[in-house]
Amino acid sequence: MPNDFSQIMAQQSDEALVKIVSIESHKYQPEAIEAAQQELQNRQIDINDLKKRNVEHFSADKKVTKPDSVSSDIRFVHLLIDTFAWQFMVILISFLAGLVFQPVKESEETLISFIIIFGTYFGYYIFFETKYQKTIGKFITNTKVINTNGTKPEITDITARTFYRLIPFDTISYLFTRRGFHDYLSQTKVIKEKRSV
């Protein structure tokens, strides 16, 4: 299969390859994107430089449109499902910690609780959104996180995105816009995931 993708990508123009690895990456299988990246490297084209210079140009092309963010309703569903999943992790880990650290002083219990709550919170979002571009809620709604330029977010983007979730009133910012505070500040958005070709 990689050979098939390599042959297909070898026939594409430089411009088409950059579109595939940037703003159209959500349309392709990971193997196809890797083949496009390899073809750009074979042509000695700096992918990052081209992305910076041309993503705006490509998105202005009438044939290429950037996907819109999902609705506030879907984001609310994500909030409910992900909060439930995170709380389940907190309860499970707290129970296991209670078995290991019993008995403890009240001050130690507070510290352990703090570590469990924030550790699972950051762990949940950073693990799922870095590895899969989606949390459990996004798996259920068939959506994923991308950068605003259409590329896959790096771990630094997802870490910042997760920190920005702690901003007061972030959860209600979706009542006024499709992209909440943590989306705007981390330059990410959540889109409907299309089936791979």
Foldseek 3Di string as FASTA:
>chain_A
DLVVLLVVLLPDDLVVLLCCQWQVVLQADPSNNVSSVVNCVVVVHDSVVCLVPPLVVVCVPPVHHHFDFDALVLVVLLVVVVVVVLVVQLVVVLVVVCVVDPPDDPVVNVVVSVCSNVVSLLCQQLVCCQPPQDHPSCVVQQKGKDALSRHRDHSVLSSQLSVQCPPPPQSVQSVPPSDTRSCVVSRMGMGHRDDYD
